[in-house]
Amino acid sequence: MGCGCIVALLAMASPRLALFVVWLFTDRLSIALDSFWVGLLGFLFLPWTLLAWAVVYAPVKGVTGFGWFLVIFAFIVDLSAYGASARARRSQPAA
């Protein structure tokens, strides 16, 4: 339980940092992902989604029930981060 709290606090600062800590100290990412490339692409482009997937994935059943809600919510958070950064770039005056 203590490790989960640390990962949650790290995720608030940076989901990529939390993913790195999860990868370094647990085997959740290797259990939840079939391929290194899926993990790398998730780390680069959809870090919140990858973190949510790793947390809610069950080895036998996969992602079920409320876990899908968390994964979809994380995906929306990732997309909104891209949208917010694009909006911020458009609002800056040209140099």
Protein backbone atom coordinates (compact mmCIF):
# COMPACT_ATOMS: atom_id res chain seq x y z
CA MET A 1 0.00 0.00 0.00
CA GLY A 2 2.85 2.38 0.74
CA CYS A 3 4.31 1.87 -2.72
CA GLY A 4 0.97 2.74 -4.31
CA CYS A 5 0.90 6.05 -2.47
CA ILE A 6 4.39 6.92 -3.65
CA VAL A 7 3.48 6.10 -7.25
CA ALA A 8 0.31 8.20 -6.97
CA LEU A 9 2.29 11.17 -5.69
CA LEU A 10 4.85 10.76 -8.47
CA ALA A 11 2.04 10.54 -11.03
CA MET A 12 0.74 13.91 -9.88
CA ALA A 13 4.15 15.41 -10.67
CA SER A 14 4.81 13.44 -13.84
CA PRO A 15 3.18 10.31 -15.22
CA ARG A 16 6.41 9.40 -17.01
CA LEU A 17 8.34 9.53 -13.74
CA ALA A 18 5.71 7.30 -12.13
CA LEU A 19 5.96 4.86 -15.05
CA PHE A 20 9.73 4.78 -14.67
CA VAL A 21 9.44 3.98 -10.96
CA VAL A 22 6.82 1.29 -11.63
CA TRP A 23 9.07 -0.24 -14.30
CA LEU A 24 12.13 -0.05 -12.06
CA PHE A 25 10.66 -1.53 -8.86
CA THR A 26 7.76 -3.76 -9.97
CA ASP A 27 6.84 -6.14 -12.76
CA ARG A 28 3.44 -4.53 -13.50
CA LEU A 29 4.46 -3.23 -16.93
CA SER A 30 5.83 -6.57 -18.09
CA ILE A 31 2.63 -8.26 -16.89
CA ALA A 32 0.31 -5.71 -18.51
CA LEU A 33 2.09 -5.28 -21.86
CA ASP A 34 2.79 -7.78 -24.61
CA SER A 35 5.58 -5.88 -26.28
CA PHE A 36 8.40 -3.48 -25.45
CA TRP A 37 7.30 -1.29 -28.35
CA VAL A 38 3.79 -0.85 -26.99
CA GLY A 39 5.30 0.27 -23.69
CA LEU A 40 7.72 2.65 -25.39
CA LEU A 41 5.00 4.23 -27.54
CA GLY A 42 2.73 4.53 -24.51
CA PHE A 43 5.54 6.11 -22.50
CA LEU A 44 6.19 8.66 -25.24
CA PHE A 45 2.66 9.52 -26.40
CA LEU A 46 0.08 8.33 -23.85
CA PRO A 47 1.69 8.17 -20.41
CA TRP A 48 -1.50 8.52 -18.35
CA THR A 49 -3.21 5.80 -20.37
CA LEU A 50 -0.25 3.44 -20.01
CA LEU A 51 -0.07 4.07 -16.27
CA ALA A 52 -3.80 3.44 -15.84
CA TRP A 53 -3.57 0.27 -17.97
CA ALA A 54 -0.68 -1.06 -15.88
CA VAL A 55 -2.51 -0.35 -12.63
CA VAL A 56 -5.88 -1.93 -13.54
CA TYR A 57 -4.64 -4.87 -15.63
CA ALA A 58 -5.32 -8.30 -14.11
CA PRO A 59 -3.15 -11.15 -15.48
CA VAL A 60 -5.98 -13.61 -16.19
CA LYS A 61 -8.95 -11.33 -16.93
CA GLY A 62 -7.25 -8.29 -18.47
CA VAL A 63 -9.00 -4.97 -17.96
CA THR A 64 -12.62 -5.30 -16.88
CA GLY A 65 -15.43 -3.24 -15.40
CA PHE A 66 -14.42 -0.04 -13.66
CA GLY A 67 -10.88 -0.48 -14.99
CA TRP A 68 -12.10 0.43 -18.47
CA PHE A 69 -13.53 3.65 -17.09
CA LEU A 70 -10.13 4.54 -15.60
CA VAL A 71 -8.28 3.72 -18.83
CA ILE A 72 -10.71 5.76 -20.94
CA PHE A 73 -10.51 8.66 -18.48
CA ALA A 74 -6.70 8.54 -18.64
CA PHE A 75 -6.88 8.54 -22.44
CA ILE A 76 -9.07 11.66 -22.34
CA VAL A 77 -6.56 13.30 -19.98
CA ASP A 78 -3.74 12.52 -22.44
CA LEU A 79 -5.71 13.97 -25.35
CA SER A 80 -6.64 17.08 -23.37
CA ALA A 81 -2.97 17.65 -22.54
CA TYR A 82 -2.16 17.64 -26.26
CA GLY A 83 -5.08 19.98 -26.97
CA ALA A 84 -4.06 22.39 -24.21
CA SER A 85 -0.48 22.55 -25.44
CA ALA A 86 -1.64 23.23 -29.00
CA ARG A 87 -3.95 26.00 -27.78
CA ALA A 88 -1.12 27.54 -25.75
CA ARG A 89 1.17 27.55 -28.78
CA ARG A 90 -1.49 29.26 -30.91
CA SER A 91 -2.12 31.94 -28.31
CA GLN A 92 1.55 32.99 -28.10
CA PRO A 93 2.46 35.96 -30.30
CA ALA A 94 4.73 35.22 -33.25
CA ALA A 95 8.33 36.29 -32.77
